[in-house]
């Protein structure tokens, strides 16, 4: 079916625009399915493709290679020029980090990470630990804290996210937060017109 926004699309361009419009409004898949008349499974496929595509639009950390999947539940927050970057922590550091997190040993965590991240998200424990000095990096701390509050509030509505999808959801939160002053629907239309989605 011809659709300049999606390669090998199984739905019309008009229907895809409807999905994209509701995605930009941050509706859930079941709500989008009801509003568009498209099956929930199909809506989920398009939403996952959108989220995967968004990974390529995010600023990348110089320190970590972004990966998808696995059971990573620890993520670092970096603030660069008032933009948020969420980075998964390598799994081999998890055991030691969880021990340090328990007692909030910030100095030892910073030494282990070997990079001045603004904060650390323990997704399993639904908690956030500020890693930077409260006075030396006040602007970055405020930005990182605001992002965590936004993310925590936003993800509650999903009522549980599989470990394989946590990273995608956090990167979507990153995208939405970094583009909070833009028209997301128009932005995404332009993005997918240049680089069509792949299902």
C-alpha atoms as a PDB file:
ATOM      1  CA  UNK A   1       0.000   0.000   0.000  1.00  0.00           C
ATOM      2  CA  UNK A   2       1.392   3.409  -0.969  1.00  0.00           C
ATOM      3  CA  UNK A   3       2.542   5.323   2.078  1.00  0.00           C
ATOM      4  CA  UNK A   4       5.444   7.761   1.864  1.00  0.00           C
ATOM      5  CA  UNK A   5       5.933   7.670   5.642  1.00  0.00           C
ATOM      6  CA  UNK A   6       6.238   3.883   6.061  1.00  0.00           C
ATOM      7  CA  UNK A   7       8.059   1.309   3.967  1.00  0.00           C
ATOM      8  CA  UNK A   8       5.868  -1.667   3.034  1.00  0.00           C
ATOM      9  CA  UNK A   9       2.962  -0.232   4.955  1.00  0.00           C
ATOM     10  CA  UNK A  10      -0.137  -2.343   5.493  1.00  0.00           C
ATOM     11  CA  UNK A  11      -2.324   0.690   6.146  1.00  0.00           C
ATOM     12  CA  UNK A  12      -3.090   3.850   4.197  1.00  0.00           C
ATOM     13  CA  UNK A  13      -1.164   7.063   4.647  1.00  0.00           C
ATOM     14  CA  UNK A  14      -4.282   8.643   6.130  1.00  0.00           C
ATOM     15  CA  UNK A  15      -4.560   5.924   8.788  1.00  0.00           C
ATOM     16  CA  UNK A  16      -0.885   6.169   9.627  1.00  0.00           C
ATOM     17  CA  UNK A  17      -1.249   9.914  10.158  1.00  0.00           C
ATOM     18  CA  UNK A  18      -4.072   9.194  12.589  1.00  0.00           C
ATOM     19  CA  UNK A  19      -1.847   6.802  14.550  1.00  0.00           C
ATOM     20  CA  UNK A  20       0.966   9.351  14.533  1.00  0.00           C
ATOM     21  CA  UNK A  21      -1.320  12.154  15.667  1.00  0.00           C
ATOM     22  CA  UNK A  22      -2.532  10.145  18.667  1.00  0.00           C
ATOM     23  CA  UNK A  23       1.002   8.948  19.421  1.00  0.00           C
ATOM     24  CA  UNK A  24       2.137  12.591  19.515  1.00  0.00           C
ATOM     25  CA  UNK A  25      -0.683  13.269  21.977  1.00  0.00           C
ATOM     26  CA  UNK A  26       0.741  10.427  24.101  1.00  0.00           C
ATOM     27  CA  UNK A  27      -2.306   8.162  23.951  1.00  0.00           C
ATOM     28  CA  UNK A  28      -1.882   4.469  24.743  1.00  0.00           C
ATOM     29  CA  UNK A  29      -2.101   1.733  22.122  1.00  0.00           C
ATOM     30  CA  UNK A  30      -5.569   0.534  23.172  1.00  0.00           C
ATOM     31  CA  UNK A  31      -6.911   4.099  22.944  1.00  0.00           C
ATOM     32  CA  UNK A  32      -5.363   4.590  19.512  1.00  0.00           C
ATOM     33  CA  UNK A  33      -6.811   1.279  18.343  1.00  0.00           C
ATOM     34  CA  UNK A  34     -10.302   2.322  19.423  1.00  0.00           C
ATOM     35  CA  UNK A  35     -10.045   5.755  17.808  1.00  0.00           C
ATOM     36  CA  UNK A  36      -8.598   4.532  14.498  1.00  0.00           C
ATOM     37  CA  UNK A  37     -10.398   1.209  14.119  1.00  0.00           C
ATOM     38  CA  UNK A  38      -7.055  -0.543  13.627  1.00  0.00           C
ATOM     39  CA  UNK A  39      -6.250  -3.674  15.615  1.00  0.00           C
ATOM     40  CA  UNK A  40      -4.222  -3.208  18.771  1.00  0.00           C
ATOM     41  CA  UNK A  41      -1.518  -5.566  17.493  1.00  0.00           C
ATOM     42  CA  UNK A  42      -1.096  -3.457  14.363  1.00  0.00           C
ATOM     43  CA  UNK A  43      -1.037  -0.245  16.388  1.00  0.00           C
ATOM     44  CA  UNK A  44       1.617  -1.750  18.673  1.00  0.00           C
ATOM     45  CA  UNK A  45       3.725  -2.656  15.619  1.00  0.00           C
ATOM     46  CA  UNK A  46       3.631   0.917  14.336  1.00  0.00           C
ATOM     47  CA  UNK A  47       4.311   2.410  17.759  1.00  0.00           C
ATOM     48  CA  UNK A  48       7.317   0.134  18.261  1.00  0.00           C
ATOM     49  CA  UNK A  49       8.634   1.133  14.829  1.00  0.00           C
ATOM     50  CA  UNK A  50       8.230   4.798  15.794  1.00  0.00           C
ATOM     51  CA  UNK A  51      10.091   4.275  19.066  1.00  0.00           C
ATOM     52  CA  UNK A  52      12.916   2.428  17.328  1.00  0.00           C
ATOM     53  CA  UNK A  53      13.187   5.215  14.799  1.00  0.00           C
ATOM     54  CA  UNK A  54      13.375   7.812  17.567  1.00  0.00           C
ATOM     55  CA  UNK A  55      16.559   6.176  18.870  1.00  0.00           C
ATOM     56  CA  UNK A  56      18.359   7.508  15.807  1.00  0.00           C
ATOM     57  CA  UNK A  57      17.206  11.075  16.462  1.00  0.00           C
ATOM     58  CA  UNK A  58      18.576  11.283  20.013  1.00  0.00           C
ATOM     59  CA  UNK A  59      21.915  12.819  21.007  1.00  0.00           C
ATOM     60  CA  UNK A  60      24.308   9.967  21.756  1.00  0.00           C
ATOM     61  CA  UNK A  61      26.564   9.820  24.770  1.00  0.00           C
ATOM     62  CA  UNK A  62      30.266   9.708  24.002  1.00  0.00           C
ATOM     63  CA  UNK A  63      30.770   7.220  26.789  1.00  0.00           C
ATOM     64  CA  UNK A  64      28.316   4.439  26.064  1.00  0.00           C
ATOM     65  CA  UNK A  65      27.017   2.476  23.115  1.00  0.00           C
ATOM     66  CA  UNK A  66      23.231   2.304  23.132  1.00  0.00           C
ATOM     67  CA  UNK A  67      21.726  -1.173  22.987  1.00  0.00           C
ATOM     68  CA  UNK A  68      18.218  -2.554  23.034  1.00  0.00           C
ATOM     69  CA  UNK A  69      16.925  -5.562  24.913  1.00  0.00           C
ATOM     70  CA  UNK A  70      18.289  -7.488  27.849  1.00  0.00           C
ATOM     71  CA  UNK A  71      17.308  -6.881  31.422  1.00  0.00           C
ATOM     72  CA  UNK A  72      19.117  -3.645  32.180  1.00  0.00           C
ATOM     73  CA  UNK A  73      17.404  -1.683  34.908  1.00  0.00           C
ATOM     74  CA  UNK A  74      20.088   0.882  35.742  1.00  0.00           C
ATOM     75  CA  UNK A  75      20.351   3.976  33.563  1.00  0.00           C
ATOM     76  CA  UNK A  76      22.483   7.098  33.803  1.00  0.00           C
ATOM     77  CA  UNK A  77      21.215  10.590  32.989  1.00  0.00           C
ATOM     78  CA  UNK A  78      23.502  13.033  31.284  1.00  0.00           C
ATOM     79  CA  UNK A  79      22.625  16.686  30.691  1.00  0.00           C
ATOM     80  CA  UNK A  80      24.279  18.262  27.696  1.00  0.00           C
ATOM     81  CA  UNK A  81      23.330  21.813  26.670  1.00  0.00           C
ATOM     82  CA  UNK A  82      20.024  21.455  28.543  1.00  0.00           C
ATOM     83  CA  UNK A  83      19.201  18.266  26.649  1.00  0.00           C
ATOM     84  CA  UNK A  84      18.742  14.928  28.376  1.00  0.00           C
ATOM     85  CA  UNK A  85      20.592  11.770  27.369  1.00  0.00           C
ATOM     86  CA  UNK A  86      19.593   8.426  28.914  1.00  0.00           C
ATOM     87  CA  UNK A  87      22.323   5.788  28.844  1.00  0.00           C
ATOM     88  CA  UNK A  88      22.027   2.129  29.928  1.00  0.00           C
ATOM     89  CA  UNK A  89      24.648   1.066  32.447  1.00  0.00           C
ATOM     90  CA  UNK A  90      26.742  -1.947  31.342  1.00  0.00           C
ATOM     91  CA  UNK A  91      25.352  -5.028  33.083  1.00  0.00           C
ATOM     92  CA  UNK A  92      28.730  -6.073  34.544  1.00  0.00           C
ATOM     93  CA  UNK A  93      28.559  -3.004  36.822  1.00  0.00           C
ATOM     94  CA  UNK A  94      25.099  -3.767  38.175  1.00  0.00           C
ATOM     95  CA  UNK A  95      26.063  -5.900  41.163  1.00  0.00           C
ATOM     96  CA  UNK A  96      28.528  -3.377  42.549  1.00  0.00           C
ATOM     97  CA  UNK A  97      26.259  -0.418  41.783  1.00  0.00           C
ATOM     98  CA  UNK A  98      23.292  -1.931  43.576  1.00  0.00           C
ATOM     99  CA  UNK A  99      25.419  -2.352  46.703  1.00  0.00           C
ATOM    100  CA  UNK A 100      26.526   1.299  46.511  1.00  0.00           C
ATOM    101  CA  UNK A 101      23.000   2.504  45.733  1.00  0.00           C
ATOM    102  CA  UNK A 102      21.686   0.857  48.856  1.00  0.00           C
ATOM    103  CA  UNK A 103      23.759   3.220  50.988  1.00  0.00           C
ATOM    104  CA  UNK A 104      23.759   6.123  48.475  1.00  0.00           C
ATOM    105  CA  UNK A 105      27.540   6.202  48.243  1.00  0.00           C
ATOM    106  CA  UNK A 106      27.669   8.870  45.552  1.00  0.00           C
ATOM    107  CA  UNK A 107      31.442   9.355  45.485  1.00  0.00           C
ATOM    108  CA  UNK A 108      32.068   5.639  44.990  1.00  0.00           C
ATOM    109  CA  UNK A 109      29.367   5.418  42.307  1.00  0.00           C
ATOM    110  CA  UNK A 110      30.929   8.312  40.401  1.00  0.00           C
ATOM    111  CA  UNK A 111      34.315   6.652  40.621  1.00  0.00           C
ATOM    112  CA  UNK A 112      32.910   3.354  39.329  1.00  0.00           C
ATOM    113  CA  UNK A 113      31.077   5.019  36.419  1.00  0.00           C
ATOM    114  CA  UNK A 114      34.168   7.112  35.584  1.00  0.00           C
ATOM    115  CA  UNK A 115      32.051   9.825  33.969  1.00  0.00           C
ATOM    116  CA  UNK A 116      30.263  12.865  35.457  1.00  0.00           C
ATOM    117  CA  UNK A 117      26.652  11.798  34.964  1.00  0.00           C
ATOM    118  CA  UNK A 118      23.964  13.946  36.576  1.00  0.00           C
ATOM    119  CA  UNK A 119      21.956  11.082  38.000  1.00  0.00           C
ATOM    120  CA  UNK A 120      21.271   7.368  38.142  1.00  0.00           C
ATOM    121  CA  UNK A 121      17.886   5.711  37.603  1.00  0.00           C
ATOM    122  CA  UNK A 122      17.172   2.418  39.336  1.00  0.00           C
ATOM    123  CA  UNK A 123      14.120   1.442  37.320  1.00  0.00           C
ATOM    124  CA  UNK A 124      13.407  -1.698  39.325  1.00  0.00           C
ATOM    125  CA  UNK A 125      13.339   0.291  42.549  1.00  0.00           C
ATOM    126  CA  UNK A 126      11.599   3.265  40.917  1.00  0.00           C
ATOM    127  CA  UNK A 127      14.170   5.585  42.421  1.00  0.00           C
ATOM    128  CA  UNK A 128      16.604   8.231  41.267  1.00  0.00           C
ATOM    129  CA  UNK A 129      19.928   9.262  42.800  1.00  0.00           C
ATOM    130  CA  UNK A 130      21.520  12.633  42.088  1.00  0.00           C
ATOM    131  CA  UNK A 131      25.226  12.169  41.357  1.00  0.00           C
ATOM    132  CA  UNK A 132      26.495  15.730  41.017  1.00  0.00           C
ATOM    133  CA  UNK A 133      27.312  18.223  43.740  1.00  0.00           C
ATOM    134  CA  UNK A 134      24.118  20.218  44.480  1.00  0.00           C
ATOM    135  CA  UNK A 135      25.836  23.605  44.226  1.00  0.00           C
ATOM    136  CA  UNK A 136      28.527  23.048  41.605  1.00  0.00           C
ATOM    137  CA  UNK A 137      26.116  21.701  38.980  1.00  0.00           C
ATOM    138  CA  UNK A 138      22.819  23.233  39.991  1.00  0.00           C
ATOM    139  CA  UNK A 139      21.430  23.788  36.469  1.00  0.00           C
ATOM    140  CA  UNK A 140      22.218  20.244  35.373  1.00  0.00           C
ATOM    141  CA  UNK A 141      20.767  18.834  38.581  1.00  0.00           C
ATOM    142  CA  UNK A 142      17.527  20.754  38.143  1.00  0.00           C
ATOM    143  CA  UNK A 143      17.205  19.577  34.533  1.00  0.00           C
ATOM    144  CA  UNK A 144      17.904  15.937  35.401  1.00  0.00           C
ATOM    145  CA  UNK A 145      15.518  16.031  38.377  1.00  0.00           C
ATOM    146  CA  UNK A 146      12.782  17.587  36.223  1.00  0.00           C
ATOM    147  CA  UNK A 147      13.254  14.851  33.618  1.00  0.00           C
ATOM    148  CA  UNK A 148      12.993  12.100  36.232  1.00  0.00           C
ATOM    149  CA  UNK A 149       9.800  13.593  37.676  1.00  0.00           C
ATOM    150  CA  UNK A 150       8.323  13.836  34.170  1.00  0.00           C
ATOM    151  CA  UNK A 151       9.368  10.267  33.321  1.00  0.00           C
ATOM    152  CA  UNK A 152       8.151   8.763  36.586  1.00  0.00           C
ATOM    153  CA  UNK A 153       4.744  10.417  36.195  1.00  0.00           C
ATOM    154  CA  UNK A 154       4.413   9.524  32.520  1.00  0.00           C
ATOM    155  CA  UNK A 155       5.326   5.834  32.811  1.00  0.00           C
ATOM    156  CA  UNK A 156       2.888   5.131  35.655  1.00  0.00           C
ATOM    157  CA  UNK A 157       0.031   4.996  33.161  1.00  0.00           C
ATOM    158  CA  UNK A 158       1.522   1.940  31.426  1.00  0.00           C
ATOM    159  CA  UNK A 159       0.975  -0.180  34.558  1.00  0.00           C
ATOM    160  CA  UNK A 160       4.071  -2.279  34.073  1.00  0.00           C
ATOM    161  CA  UNK A 161       6.637  -2.384  31.265  1.00  0.00           C
ATOM    162  CA  UNK A 162       8.606  -5.490  30.287  1.00  0.00           C
ATOM    163  CA  UNK A 163      12.338  -5.295  30.916  1.00  0.00           C
ATOM    164  CA  UNK A 164      12.961  -5.660  27.178  1.00  0.00           C
ATOM    165  CA  UNK A 165      11.015  -2.444  26.493  1.00  0.00           C
ATOM    166  CA  UNK A 166      12.175  -0.233  29.367  1.00  0.00           C
ATOM    167  CA  UNK A 167      15.012   1.312  27.380  1.00  0.00           C
ATOM    168  CA  UNK A 168      12.720   2.170  24.460  1.00  0.00           C
ATOM    169  CA  UNK A 169      10.236   3.819  26.817  1.00  0.00           C
ATOM    170  CA  UNK A 170      12.964   5.813  28.558  1.00  0.00           C
ATOM    171  CA  UNK A 171      14.333   6.980  25.210  1.00  0.00           C
ATOM    172  CA  UNK A 172      10.810   8.000  24.195  1.00  0.00           C
ATOM    173  CA  UNK A 173      10.568  10.015  27.410  1.00  0.00           C
ATOM    174  CA  UNK A 174      13.930  11.561  26.543  1.00  0.00           C
ATOM    175  CA  UNK A 175      12.630  12.501  23.089  1.00  0.00           C
ATOM    176  CA  UNK A 176       9.394  13.963  24.410  1.00  0.00           C
ATOM    177  CA  UNK A 177      11.179  15.919  27.125  1.00  0.00           C
ATOM    178  CA  UNK A 178      13.817  17.318  24.766  1.00  0.00           C
ATOM    179  CA  UNK A 179      11.119  18.369  22.271  1.00  0.00           C
ATOM    180  CA  UNK A 180       8.499  19.478  24.784  1.00  0.00           C
ATOM    181  CA  UNK A 181       8.225  22.951  23.229  1.00  0.00           C
ATOM    182  CA  UNK A 182       7.672  21.637  19.691  1.00  0.00           C
ATOM    183  CA  UNK A 183       4.691  20.332  17.748  1.00  0.00           C
ATOM    184  CA  UNK A 184       5.572  16.629  17.917  1.00  0.00           C
ATOM    185  CA  UNK A 185       3.104  15.597  15.234  1.00  0.00           C
ATOM    186  CA  UNK A 186       4.575  18.003  12.653  1.00  0.00           C
ATOM    187  CA  UNK A 187       8.105  17.151  13.748  1.00  0.00           C
ATOM    188  CA  UNK A 188       7.518  13.412  13.319  1.00  0.00           C
ATOM    189  CA  UNK A 189       5.762  13.847   9.977  1.00  0.00           C
ATOM    190  CA  UNK A 190       8.788  15.717   8.654  1.00  0.00           C
ATOM    191  CA  UNK A 191      11.147  13.129  10.142  1.00  0.00           C
ATOM    192  CA  UNK A 192       9.356  10.133   8.614  1.00  0.00           C
ATOM    193  CA  UNK A 193       8.907  11.906   5.285  1.00  0.00           C
ATOM    194  CA  UNK A 194      12.705  12.106   5.037  1.00  0.00           C
ATOM    195  CA  UNK A 195      13.363   8.689   6.586  1.00  0.00           C
ATOM    196  CA  UNK A 196      10.312   6.401   6.277  1.00  0.00           C
ATOM    197  CA  UNK A 197       9.606   3.923   9.049  1.00  0.00           C
ATOM    198  CA  UNK A 198      10.506   0.281   8.623  1.00  0.00           C
ATOM    199  CA  UNK A 199       8.086  -2.265  10.011  1.00  0.00           C
END
